[in-house]
Amino acid sequence: MNPLYCVAEIRAIEQAAAQRLPAGALMQRAGQAAANAALDMLPFSTSRAKVLVLAGPGNNGGDALEVAAHLAFAGAQVSVQHFGCEEPGRHCSPEREAAFTRARASKANFERLAPAALAQHEWHLVIDGLFGIGLARPIDGELRTLVEAVNALPCNRFALDIPSGLDADTGAIVGANNGANNEGGGVAVQATHTITYIGDKTGLHTCAGRDCSGDVQVARLDIDAALYPPARCHLNDVAFFARHLHKRRHDTHKGSYGNVAVLGGAPGMAGAVTLAARAALLSGAGRVYACHLDTPPAYDSAQPELMLRRVQDFDLDSAVIVAGPGLGGADDSRAALARAVGSRAPLLLDADALNLLAQDTALQATVAERAAPTIITPHPLEAARLLGLSAGAVQSNRPGVARDLAARLRAIVVLKGSGTVLARPDGHIVINTTGNPALATAGTGDVLAGLCGSLLAQGWPAWEAALSAVWLHGMAADVLVTEGLGPIGVSASELVPAIRTALNRMVQLHGR
């Protein structure tokens, strides 16, 4: 299980460890660990390797200088772009000064190349040590131009601790407007690899973090485990929900695996409720009802096992409820949602149900008072509506927003997106690691909702059902990409059989 830490926790661990060690020991360990990892990225003949090291004015720059000295000693052709402590009011730490002295004494070449000139060299590796976890303002001016030039180089880019420009707590690019594609005023190094020190950081795994960080490895720097606080955030892992994976006994029947009712199907939106219902059926629910606000079709020709009903005629206490796919916003939609929230059944709210909920503070209070488990699965804009924010504000702090929503609604929150964030009302969060851009298409959220409802119906606790559903949903997309079917052009309906396969394989490997 991989714990994640915020910047304040990392700094506290670092300070406690530094008090037990000789001055500069942690920086030296960081430099050695990064140098070892960098050597694995270089050509077999190190003497032909050309490495560009970007050393900023802080301790992150000191780490980079230590790496430069080690790589130069190993025979690499090292060029250092050094941005020191010359600014008025800025003072370098003694540890960084010592690292600078060691790098200067090595064969590393200190030169200031213009950003436009970087492309004229055939670099094998760029080491990013410009800024660490303390960056509070956007990268601008000369350094912004440098970062943009580095991002355009056709080589590996290796970030030390955090890609420069990325917020270590939130995964947002510092200064970005966090709209579509995180475009805006900020810029960050687009690393292909990151070595992060002391503990893994939340921001490396959500929002822009996954695109900026590449492959992440953790170097704990031999710090005593007793100095680490209990983690309030983790990366998702099968170990969190494996105990609920059960091989099916022969002596069972459809009633053994629960009922799911998907509420939606407003006029012109029958597809969403159908996708969710099919996902629930093919992930193991015993009976699945597709409950339509509009007059339902006679049957689903592709999945005739589904039972089609009118929402108004269905007993909502008789099944796990998945409300929202294609629910619409009319008066009968509001009435159906109110019935679902007032039921005694486990409830998952998605899509239109969340938009209606955002408009009704009294209904939000009712959700918070429910005795049965409640899960909500918003994308960033739906979360923004619930909290009265902009989508950009949500993306600027995905972990914080998920925590706030979970506490406000006393519900489990699944904040969808790159590095989906799951939050409990007690503040614990988990960030998912599976999934890829194949999921960026209409209907995949409906499939996730149906899958999660199915696991609830089969008796899974709500938290573990959410963790497993998000993990399986992403894994199915990963498998489709591996098989050459994506990420471009994967449809939501293609995920459903892939989820069934992934679930069965997981049960075979981990089921009891």
Protein backbone atom coordinates (compact mmCIF):
# COMPACT_ATOMS: atom_id res chain seq x y z
CA MET A 1 0.00 0.00 0.00
CA ASN A 2 1.43 3.33 -1.08
CA PRO A 3 0.85 6.22 1.34
CA LEU A 4 0.74 9.79 0.05
CA TYR A 5 1.80 12.85 2.02
CA CYS A 6 1.16 16.57 1.82
CA VAL A 7 3.94 19.17 1.77
CA ALA A 8 3.50 20.05 5.45
CA GLU A 9 3.91 16.40 6.45
CA ILE A 10 6.98 15.97 4.24
CA ARG A 11 8.61 19.05 5.73
CA ALA A 12 7.95 17.84 9.28
CA ILE A 13 9.47 14.43 8.50
CA GLU A 14 12.48 16.08 6.84
CA GLN A 15 13.11 18.41 9.77
CA ALA A 16 12.87 15.59 12.30
CA ALA A 17 15.24 13.42 10.25
CA ALA A 18 17.74 16.24 9.71
CA GLN A 19 18.08 16.72 13.47
CA ARG A 20 19.36 13.15 13.76
CA LEU A 21 21.81 13.31 10.85
CA PRO A 22 24.98 15.18 9.90
CA ALA A 23 24.41 18.43 8.03
CA GLY A 24 23.71 17.85 4.36
CA ALA A 25 23.20 14.11 4.70
CA LEU A 26 19.68 14.12 3.25
CA MET A 27 20.73 16.20 0.23
CA GLN A 28 23.65 13.88 -0.41
CA ARG A 29 21.39 10.84 -0.16
CA ALA A 30 18.90 12.46 -2.52
CA GLY A 31 21.62 13.20 -5.05
CA GLN A 32 22.99 9.67 -4.90
CA ALA A 33 19.56 8.07 -5.28
CA ALA A 34 18.73 10.26 -8.28
CA ALA A 35 22.12 9.66 -9.87
CA ASN A 36 21.66 5.90 -9.60
CA ALA A 37 18.26 6.17 -11.26
CA ALA A 38 19.62 8.51 -13.95
CA LEU A 39 22.41 6.09 -14.86
CA ASP A 40 19.77 3.50 -15.72
CA MET A 41 18.34 5.93 -18.29
CA LEU A 42 21.67 6.59 -20.02
CA PRO A 43 23.34 4.68 -22.87
CA PHE A 44 25.44 1.66 -22.01
CA SER A 45 28.57 3.70 -22.67
CA THR A 46 28.25 6.45 -20.07
CA SER A 47 31.09 8.46 -21.63
CA ARG A 48 28.89 9.17 -24.66
CA ALA A 49 25.92 10.29 -22.58
CA LYS A 50 25.05 13.98 -22.71
CA VAL A 51 23.14 15.21 -19.67
CA LEU A 52 21.65 18.63 -19.10
CA VAL A 53 21.18 19.54 -15.43
CA LEU A 54 18.90 22.40 -14.45
CA ALA A 55 19.83 23.58 -10.95
CA GLY A 56 17.55 26.17 -9.38
CA PRO A 57 18.34 28.49 -6.46
CA GLY A 58 16.84 26.37 -3.65
CA ASN A 59 17.57 23.00 -2.10
CA ASN A 60 16.01 21.27 -5.10
CA GLY A 61 18.84 22.88 -7.07
CA GLY A 62 21.24 21.48 -4.49
CA ASP A 63 19.90 18.00 -5.16
CA ALA A 64 20.51 18.61 -8.87
CA LEU A 65 24.08 19.75 -8.23
CA GLU A 66 24.75 16.55 -6.28
CA VAL A 67 23.42 14.56 -9.24
CA ALA A 68 25.62 16.53 -11.62
CA ALA A 69 28.73 15.73 -9.57
CA HIS A 70 27.89 11.99 -9.43
CA LEU A 71 27.14 11.71 -13.15
CA ALA A 72 30.28 13.63 -14.09
CA PHE A 73 32.32 11.32 -11.87
CA ALA A 74 30.71 8.35 -13.67
CA GLY A 75 31.99 9.73 -16.97
CA ALA A 76 28.90 11.39 -18.44
CA GLN A 77 29.18 14.67 -20.33
CA VAL A 78 27.32 16.91 -17.91
CA SER A 79 26.23 20.46 -18.69
CA VAL A 80 24.83 22.48 -15.77
CA GLN A 81 22.45 25.40 -16.21
CA HIS A 82 22.93 27.03 -12.81
CA PHE A 83 20.51 29.53 -11.30
CA GLY A 84 22.08 30.46 -8.00
CA CYS A 85 21.28 32.66 -5.05
CA GLU A 86 22.23 35.98 -6.58
CA GLU A 87 18.80 37.58 -6.19
CA PRO A 88 18.65 40.24 -3.42
CA GLY A 89 17.32 38.82 -0.19
CA ARG A 90 17.84 35.20 -1.26
CA HIS A 91 20.27 33.04 0.68
CA CYS A 92 21.36 29.52 -0.12
CA SER A 93 21.52 26.89 2.58
CA PRO A 94 24.95 25.62 3.65
CA GLU A 95 23.99 22.22 2.26
CA ARG A 96 23.34 23.70 -1.16
CA GLU A 97 26.60 25.67 -1.05
CA ALA A 98 28.45 22.43 -0.30
CA ALA A 99 26.71 20.69 -3.21
CA PHE A 100 27.66 23.60 -5.48
CA THR A 101 31.30 23.28 -4.41
CA ARG A 102 31.31 19.53 -5.16
CA ALA A 103 29.73 20.04 -8.57
CA ARG A 104 32.22 22.80 -9.42
CA ALA A 105 35.09 20.51 -8.46
CA SER A 106 33.83 17.81 -10.82
CA LYS A 107 34.16 17.70 -14.59
CA ALA A 108 30.65 19.07 -15.06
CA ASN A 109 30.57 22.02 -17.42
CA PHE A 110 28.77 25.10 -16.06
CA GLU A 111 27.38 27.11 -18.95
CA ARG A 112 24.30 29.23 -19.56
CA LEU A 113 22.79 28.17 -22.88
CA ALA A 114 19.99 30.21 -24.36
CA PRO A 115 16.73 28.21 -24.39
CA ALA A 116 16.64 28.35 -28.20
CA ALA A 117 20.10 26.76 -28.32
CA LEU A 118 19.11 23.67 -26.32
CA ALA A 119 17.59 21.99 -29.36
CA GLN A 120 20.93 22.19 -31.15
CA HIS A 121 22.36 19.55 -28.80
CA GLU A 122 21.54 15.85 -28.72
CA TRP A 123 20.77 15.38 -25.05
CA HIS A 124 20.19 11.91 -23.66
CA LEU A 125 18.68 13.17 -20.42
CA VAL A 126 17.55 16.40 -18.75
CA ILE A 127 17.62 16.60 -14.95
CA ASP A 128 14.99 19.00 -13.58
CA GLY A 129 16.07 20.56 -10.30
CA LEU A 130 14.68 24.05 -10.84
CA PHE A 131 12.00 24.20 -8.14
CA GLY A 132 10.84 21.77 -5.48
CA ILE A 133 7.70 21.40 -3.40
CA GLY A 134 7.79 24.96 -2.10
CA LEU A 135 6.98 26.77 -5.36
CA ALA A 136 4.19 29.28 -4.67
CA ARG A 137 4.04 31.39 -7.84
CA PRO A 138 3.96 30.60 -11.55
CA ILE A 139 7.22 30.06 -13.39
CA ASP A 140 7.71 33.12 -15.56
CA GLY A 141 10.24 35.09 -17.54
CA GLU A 142 13.49 33.42 -18.58
CA LEU A 143 12.73 30.24 -16.64
CA ARG A 144 9.33 29.80 -18.28
CA THR A 145 11.01 30.02 -21.69
CA LEU A 146 13.57 27.47 -20.50
CA VAL A 147 10.90 25.04 -19.28
CA GLU A 148 9.02 25.30 -22.58
CA ALA A 149 12.24 24.62 -24.49
CA VAL A 150 13.06 21.62 -22.30
CA ASN A 151 9.58 20.19 -22.78
CA ALA A 152 10.15 20.24 -26.54
CA LEU A 153 13.36 18.20 -26.37
CA PRO A 154 13.11 14.62 -27.72
CA CYS A 155 14.70 12.94 -24.70
CA ASN A 156 13.88 11.72 -21.21
CA ARG A 157 13.23 14.43 -18.63
CA PHE A 158 13.92 13.41 -15.04
CA ALA A 159 12.35 15.49 -12.27
CA LEU A 160 13.80 15.62 -8.77
CA ASP A 161 11.12 15.39 -6.07
CA ILE A 162 8.41 17.09 -8.16
CA PRO A 163 8.31 18.39 -11.75
CA SER A 164 9.05 22.10 -11.53
CA GLY A 165 5.82 24.08 -11.73
CA LEU A 166 3.55 21.35 -10.34
CA ASP A 167 1.76 21.79 -7.00
CA ALA A 168 2.78 18.84 -4.84
CA ASP A 169 -0.46 18.84 -2.86
CA THR A 170 -3.06 19.32 -5.58
CA GLY A 171 -1.54 18.18 -8.87
CA ALA A 172 -2.46 21.50 -10.48
CA ILE A 173 0.07 23.51 -12.44
CA VAL A 174 0.95 26.54 -10.34
CA GLY A 175 -0.71 29.55 -11.96
CA ALA A 176 -2.80 27.62 -14.48
CA ASN A 177 -6.45 28.53 -14.90
CA ASN A 178 -7.27 24.82 -14.56
CA GLY A 179 -9.82 24.88 -17.34
CA ALA A 180 -9.82 22.36 -20.16
CA ASN A 181 -6.41 20.66 -20.43
CA ASN A 182 -5.12 22.82 -17.54
CA GLU A 183 -4.19 25.58 -19.94
CA GLY A 184 -3.52 29.04 -18.65
CA GLY A 185 -0.82 31.16 -17.09
CA GLY A 186 1.26 28.39 -15.56
CA VAL A 187 3.83 26.04 -16.99
CA ALA A 188 5.47 22.89 -15.63
CA VAL A 189 8.17 20.49 -16.70
CA GLN A 190 6.67 17.52 -18.53
CA ALA A 191 8.83 14.83 -16.96
CA THR A 192 9.03 11.29 -18.28
CA HIS A 193 10.35 10.13 -14.90
CA THR A 194 10.21 11.52 -11.36
CA ILE A 195 12.07 10.48 -8.25
CA THR A 196 10.27 11.88 -5.24
CA TYR A 197 11.96 12.14 -1.86
CA ILE A 198 10.98 11.03 1.64
CA GLY A 199 7.41 10.08 0.70
CA ASP A 200 5.12 10.02 -2.29
CA LYS A 201 3.19 13.22 -2.99
CA THR A 202 -0.55 13.52 -3.65
CA GLY A 203 -0.07 15.93 -6.53
CA LEU A 204 2.01 13.51 -8.57
CA HIS A 205 -1.04 11.30 -9.16
CA THR A 206 -4.02 13.53 -9.93
CA CYS A 207 -5.03 16.43 -12.18
CA ALA A 208 -1.99 17.49 -14.28
CA GLY A 209 0.27 15.36 -12.09
CA ARG A 210 -0.07 12.20 -14.12
CA ASP A 211 0.92 13.96 -17.35
CA CYS A 212 3.74 15.95 -15.74
CA SER A 213 5.33 13.22 -13.60
CA GLY A 214 5.67 10.20 -15.86
CA ASP A 215 6.97 7.13 -14.06
CA VAL A 216 7.27 7.87 -10.34
CA GLN A 217 9.64 6.20 -7.90
CA VAL A 218 10.02 7.01 -4.21
CA ALA A 219 13.36 7.41 -2.43
CA ARG A 220 12.78 7.44 1.33
CA LEU A 221 16.43 8.39 1.96
CA ASP A 222 16.76 5.79 4.74
CA ILE A 223 14.63 7.87 7.10
CA ASP A 224 13.38 6.07 10.20
CA ALA A 225 9.81 4.82 9.66
CA ALA A 226 8.91 6.05 13.16
CA LEU A 227 9.14 9.64 11.91
CA TYR A 228 6.27 9.17 9.47
CA PRO A 229 2.75 10.09 10.63
CA PRO A 230 -0.24 7.86 9.82
CA ALA A 231 -1.16 8.62 6.22
CA ARG A 232 -4.56 10.17 5.45
CA CYS A 233 -4.18 9.53 1.74
CA HIS A 234 -3.14 6.47 -0.28
CA LEU A 235 -2.90 5.26 -3.84
CA ASN A 236 -5.64 2.79 -4.68
CA ASP A 237 -4.61 -0.83 -4.40
CA VAL A 238 -6.31 -4.22 -4.74
CA ALA A 239 -5.21 -4.89 -1.17
CA PHE A 240 -7.79 -2.35 0.05
CA PHE A 241 -10.72 -4.41 -1.23
CA ALA A 242 -9.39 -7.92 -1.96
CA ARG A 243 -11.04 -9.42 1.14
CA HIS A 244 -14.43 -8.80 -0.48
CA LEU A 245 -13.58 -10.77 -3.60
CA HIS A 246 -15.36 -14.09 -3.17
CA LYS A 247 -15.45 -17.07 -5.48
CA ARG A 248 -19.05 -18.04 -6.10
CA ARG A 249 -20.41 -21.11 -4.40
CA HIS A 250 -22.40 -23.65 -6.40
CA ASP A 251 -25.33 -23.44 -4.00
CA THR A 252 -26.47 -19.92 -4.93
CA HIS A 253 -29.12 -18.29 -7.08
CA LYS A 254 -29.97 -14.87 -8.54
CA GLY A 255 -31.31 -13.71 -5.21
CA SER A 256 -27.89 -14.30 -3.71
CA TYR A 257 -26.38 -11.44 -5.70
CA GLY A 258 -28.81 -8.63 -5.13
CA ASN A 259 -31.01 -6.28 -7.09
CA VAL A 260 -30.01 -3.06 -8.83
CA ALA A 261 -32.44 -0.41 -10.06
CA VAL A 262 -31.07 2.24 -12.40
CA LEU A 263 -33.25 5.37 -12.39
CA GLY A 264 -33.11 7.52 -15.52
CA GLY A 265 -34.38 7.21 -19.03
CA ALA A 266 -36.01 10.60 -19.49
CA PRO A 267 -37.30 11.25 -23.02
CA GLY A 268 -34.42 11.03 -25.48
CA MET A 269 -31.94 9.75 -22.86
CA ALA A 270 -32.57 6.02 -22.69
CA GLY A 271 -28.98 5.21 -23.65
CA ALA A 272 -27.50 6.28 -20.33
CA VAL A 273 -29.78 4.13 -18.18
CA THR A 274 -29.19 1.20 -20.55
CA LEU A 275 -25.40 1.50 -20.29
CA ALA A 276 -25.51 1.60 -16.50
CA ALA A 277 -27.93 -1.33 -16.32
CA ARG A 278 -25.85 -3.47 -18.66
CA ALA A 279 -22.73 -2.73 -16.61
CA ALA A 280 -24.55 -3.77 -13.44
CA LEU A 281 -25.73 -7.02 -15.02
CA LEU A 282 -22.41 -8.04 -16.55
CA SER A 283 -20.55 -7.30 -13.32
CA GLY A 284 -22.59 -9.82 -11.40
CA ALA A 285 -25.81 -8.39 -9.97
CA GLY A 286 -28.55 -11.00 -9.68
CA ARG A 287 -31.38 -8.85 -11.08
CA VAL A 288 -31.13 -5.50 -12.81
CA TYR A 289 -34.04 -3.14 -13.44
CA ALA A 290 -33.73 -0.30 -15.95
CA CYS A 291 -36.31 2.16 -14.64
CA HIS A 292 -37.38 4.79 -17.16
CA LEU A 293 -39.16 8.09 -16.59
CA ASP A 294 -40.35 7.83 -20.18
CA THR A 295 -42.30 4.80 -21.41
CA PRO A 296 -39.70 2.02 -21.49
CA PRO A 297 -39.08 -0.14 -24.54
CA ALA A 298 -40.60 -3.63 -24.48
CA TYR A 299 -37.15 -5.08 -23.89
CA ASP A 300 -33.45 -4.46 -24.49
CA SER A 301 -32.68 -6.37 -27.68
CA ALA A 302 -28.93 -6.51 -26.91
CA GLN A 303 -29.45 -7.49 -23.25
CA PRO A 304 -32.93 -9.05 -22.88
CA GLU A 305 -32.10 -10.16 -19.34
CA LEU A 306 -32.67 -6.58 -18.15
CA MET A 307 -36.09 -5.89 -16.69
CA LEU A 308 -37.54 -2.61 -17.94
CA ARG A 309 -39.91 -0.67 -15.71
CA ARG A 310 -41.41 2.76 -15.19
CA VAL A 311 -39.75 4.63 -12.34
CA GLN A 312 -43.13 5.59 -10.93
CA ASP A 313 -44.16 1.94 -10.55
CA PHE A 314 -41.00 0.57 -8.93
CA ASP A 315 -40.53 -0.13 -5.20
CA LEU A 316 -37.29 1.73 -4.50
CA ASP A 317 -36.72 -0.03 -1.19
CA SER A 318 -36.33 -3.36 -3.01
CA ALA A 319 -32.98 -2.70 -4.74
CA VAL A 320 -29.73 -0.79 -4.61
CA ILE A 321 -30.50 2.46 -6.43
CA VAL A 322 -28.33 4.04 -9.10
CA ALA A 323 -30.00 7.39 -9.78
CA GLY A 324 -29.04 9.87 -12.43
CA PRO A 325 -28.06 8.35 -15.80
CA GLY A 326 -30.31 10.11 -18.29
CA LEU A 327 -32.58 11.33 -15.48
CA GLY A 328 -33.10 14.79 -16.96
CA GLY A 329 -34.23 17.88 -15.08
CA ALA A 330 -38.03 17.91 -15.33
CA ASP A 331 -40.46 17.85 -12.42
CA ASP A 332 -40.88 14.08 -12.62
CA SER A 333 -37.08 13.78 -12.49
CA ARG A 334 -37.02 15.78 -9.25
CA ALA A 335 -39.80 13.66 -7.80
CA ALA A 336 -37.96 10.44 -8.67
CA LEU A 337 -34.76 11.74 -7.08
CA ALA A 338 -36.59 12.75 -3.91
CA ARG A 339 -38.08 9.25 -3.65
CA ALA A 340 -34.64 7.69 -4.12
CA VAL A 341 -33.03 9.90 -1.47
CA GLY A 342 -35.88 9.14 0.93
CA SER A 343 -35.58 5.39 0.44
CA ARG A 344 -33.95 2.96 2.85
CA ALA A 345 -31.77 1.46 0.11
CA PRO A 346 -28.06 2.02 -0.60
CA LEU A 347 -27.90 4.86 -3.09
CA LEU A 348 -25.49 6.01 -5.79
CA LEU A 349 -26.06 9.47 -7.27
CA ASP A 350 -24.58 10.35 -10.64
CA ALA A 351 -25.00 12.75 -13.56
CA ASP A 352 -28.41 14.50 -13.62
CA ALA A 353 -29.13 13.44 -10.05
CA LEU A 354 -26.15 15.52 -8.93
CA ASN A 355 -27.23 18.53 -10.97
CA LEU A 356 -30.70 18.37 -9.42
CA LEU A 357 -29.19 17.91 -5.97
CA ALA A 358 -27.06 21.03 -6.47
CA GLN A 359 -30.26 23.06 -6.92
CA ASP A 360 -31.92 21.81 -3.73
CA THR A 361 -30.24 22.52 -0.39
CA ALA A 362 -33.06 20.82 1.53
CA LEU A 363 -32.49 17.62 -0.42
CA GLN A 364 -28.76 17.89 0.24
CA ALA A 365 -29.56 17.95 3.96
CA THR A 366 -31.70 14.85 3.53
CA VAL A 367 -28.81 13.09 1.79
CA ALA A 368 -26.54 13.94 4.72
CA GLU A 369 -29.06 12.41 7.13
CA ARG A 370 -29.52 9.11 5.29
CA ALA A 371 -28.94 5.96 7.32
CA ALA A 372 -28.16 3.79 4.28
CA PRO A 373 -24.85 4.19 2.44
CA THR A 374 -24.62 6.95 -0.16
CA ILE A 375 -22.04 7.32 -2.93
CA ILE A 376 -21.81 10.27 -5.30
CA THR A 377 -19.77 10.19 -8.50
CA PRO A 378 -19.35 13.75 -9.83
CA HIS A 379 -17.10 14.95 -12.59
CA PRO A 380 -15.45 18.33 -11.87
CA LEU A 381 -18.30 20.48 -13.21
CA GLU A 382 -20.91 18.55 -11.21
CA ALA A 383 -18.76 18.91 -8.09
CA ALA A 384 -18.45 22.62 -8.81
CA ARG A 385 -22.23 23.01 -8.97
CA LEU A 386 -22.65 21.19 -5.67
CA LEU A 387 -20.18 23.50 -3.92
CA GLY A 388 -21.01 26.73 -5.75
CA LEU A 389 -17.56 26.91 -7.34
CA SER A 390 -16.13 27.01 -10.84
CA ALA A 391 -14.80 23.86 -12.47
CA GLY A 392 -11.37 25.50 -12.45
CA ALA A 393 -11.54 25.93 -8.70
CA VAL A 394 -12.36 22.24 -8.32
CA GLN A 395 -9.42 21.24 -10.49
CA SER A 396 -7.09 23.53 -8.57
CA ASN A 397 -7.57 21.38 -5.45
CA ARG A 398 -9.18 18.04 -6.27
CA PRO A 399 -8.27 16.32 -2.97
CA GLY A 400 -9.59 19.23 -0.92
CA VAL A 401 -12.82 19.45 -2.89
CA ALA A 402 -13.47 15.72 -2.55
CA ARG A 403 -12.95 15.96 1.21
CA ASP A 404 -15.28 18.95 1.48
CA LEU A 405 -18.05 17.21 -0.47
CA ALA A 406 -17.75 14.01 1.54
CA ALA A 407 -18.00 15.91 4.83
CA ARG A 408 -20.89 18.09 3.68
CA LEU A 409 -23.05 15.26 2.32
CA ARG A 410 -21.78 12.55 4.68
CA ALA A 411 -21.29 10.45 1.58
CA ILE A 412 -18.49 8.66 -0.19
CA VAL A 413 -17.28 10.87 -3.03
CA VAL A 414 -15.78 9.68 -6.30
CA LEU A 415 -14.40 12.81 -7.98
CA LYS A 416 -13.77 11.59 -11.50
CA GLY A 417 -10.90 12.68 -13.72
CA SER A 418 -7.24 11.92 -14.23
CA GLY A 419 -6.28 10.41 -10.90
CA THR A 420 -9.84 9.93 -9.65
CA VAL A 421 -10.06 11.01 -6.00
CA LEU A 422 -12.19 9.00 -3.58
CA ALA A 423 -13.04 10.55 -0.22
CA ARG A 424 -14.79 9.39 2.96
CA PRO A 425 -16.63 11.66 5.37
CA ASP A 426 -13.83 11.18 7.92
CA GLY A 427 -11.39 12.88 5.54
CA HIS A 428 -9.47 9.86 4.34
CA ILE A 429 -8.81 9.89 0.60
CA VAL A 430 -7.54 7.46 -2.01
CA ILE A 431 -6.29 8.34 -5.48
CA ASN A 432 -6.83 5.84 -8.26
CA THR A 433 -3.99 4.77 -10.52
CA THR A 434 -5.76 2.87 -13.30
CA GLY A 435 -7.35 4.34 -16.41
CA ASN A 436 -6.31 6.37 -19.42
CA PRO A 437 -7.77 8.85 -21.97
CA ALA A 438 -9.96 6.09 -23.45
CA LEU A 439 -12.37 6.99 -20.65
CA ALA A 440 -12.76 10.53 -21.99
CA THR A 441 -15.92 9.75 -23.92
CA ALA A 442 -19.65 9.92 -23.29
CA GLY A 443 -21.20 7.13 -21.26
CA THR A 444 -18.17 5.87 -19.34
CA GLY A 445 -19.51 7.49 -16.15
CA ASP A 446 -22.79 5.61 -16.60
CA VAL A 447 -20.83 2.37 -16.83
CA LEU A 448 -18.93 3.21 -13.63
CA ALA A 449 -22.18 3.98 -11.81
CA GLY A 450 -23.74 0.67 -12.83
CA LEU A 451 -20.63 -1.27 -11.84
CA CYS A 452 -20.47 0.34 -8.41
CA GLY A 453 -24.20 -0.27 -7.85
CA SER A 454 -23.71 -3.92 -8.77
CA LEU A 455 -20.97 -4.40 -6.17
CA LEU A 456 -23.17 -2.74 -3.54
CA ALA A 457 -26.00 -5.13 -4.43
CA GLN A 458 -23.63 -8.08 -4.03
CA GLY A 459 -22.98 -7.07 -0.44
CA TRP A 460 -19.81 -5.03 -0.68
CA PRO A 461 -19.36 -2.23 1.88
CA ALA A 462 -19.78 1.15 0.21
CA TRP A 463 -16.16 2.30 0.57
CA GLU A 464 -14.68 -0.91 -0.81
CA ALA A 465 -17.31 -1.04 -3.56
CA ALA A 466 -16.28 2.43 -4.71
CA LEU A 467 -12.56 1.63 -4.55
CA SER A 468 -13.00 -1.59 -6.50
CA ALA A 469 -15.36 -0.12 -9.09
CA VAL A 470 -13.05 2.76 -9.91
CA TRP A 471 -10.04 0.44 -10.08
CA LEU A 472 -11.82 -2.08 -12.34
CA HIS A 473 -13.28 0.64 -14.56
CA GLY A 474 -9.80 2.04 -15.20
CA MET A 475 -8.22 -1.38 -15.57
CA ALA A 476 -10.74 -2.32 -18.26
CA ALA A 477 -9.71 0.78 -20.21
CA ASP A 478 -6.03 -0.08 -19.72
CA VAL A 479 -6.59 -3.60 -21.05
CA LEU A 480 -8.41 -2.28 -24.12
CA VAL A 481 -5.50 0.03 -24.87
CA THR A 482 -3.01 -2.79 -24.38
CA GLU A 483 -4.98 -4.85 -26.89
CA GLY A 484 -4.77 -2.04 -29.44
CA LEU A 485 -8.39 -0.89 -29.19
CA GLY A 486 -7.67 2.58 -27.84
CA PRO A 487 -7.34 5.07 -26.38
CA ILE A 488 -8.82 6.76 -29.43
CA GLY A 489 -12.32 5.62 -30.31
CA VAL A 490 -13.12 3.34 -27.38
CA SER A 491 -16.85 3.50 -26.66
CA ALA A 492 -18.44 3.17 -23.24
CA SER A 493 -20.25 -0.03 -24.23
CA GLU A 494 -16.88 -1.68 -25.02
CA LEU A 495 -15.86 -1.23 -21.40
CA VAL A 496 -18.62 -3.48 -20.08
CA PRO A 497 -17.33 -6.89 -21.28
CA ALA A 498 -13.77 -5.80 -20.44
CA ILE A 499 -14.89 -5.05 -16.88
CA ARG A 500 -16.49 -8.49 -16.63
CA THR A 501 -13.20 -10.11 -17.71
CA ALA A 502 -11.13 -8.00 -15.32
CA LEU A 503 -13.46 -8.77 -12.40
CA ASN A 504 -13.36 -12.52 -13.00
CA ARG A 505 -9.58 -12.52 -13.29
CA MET A 506 -9.30 -10.54 -10.09
CA VAL A 507 -11.54 -13.02 -8.28
CA GLN A 508 -9.44 -15.91 -9.62
CA LEU A 509 -6.26 -14.27 -8.33
CA HIS A 510 -7.46 -12.86 -5.01
CA GLY A 511 -10.86 -14.39 -4.26
CA ARG A 512 -11.53 -16.47 -1.20
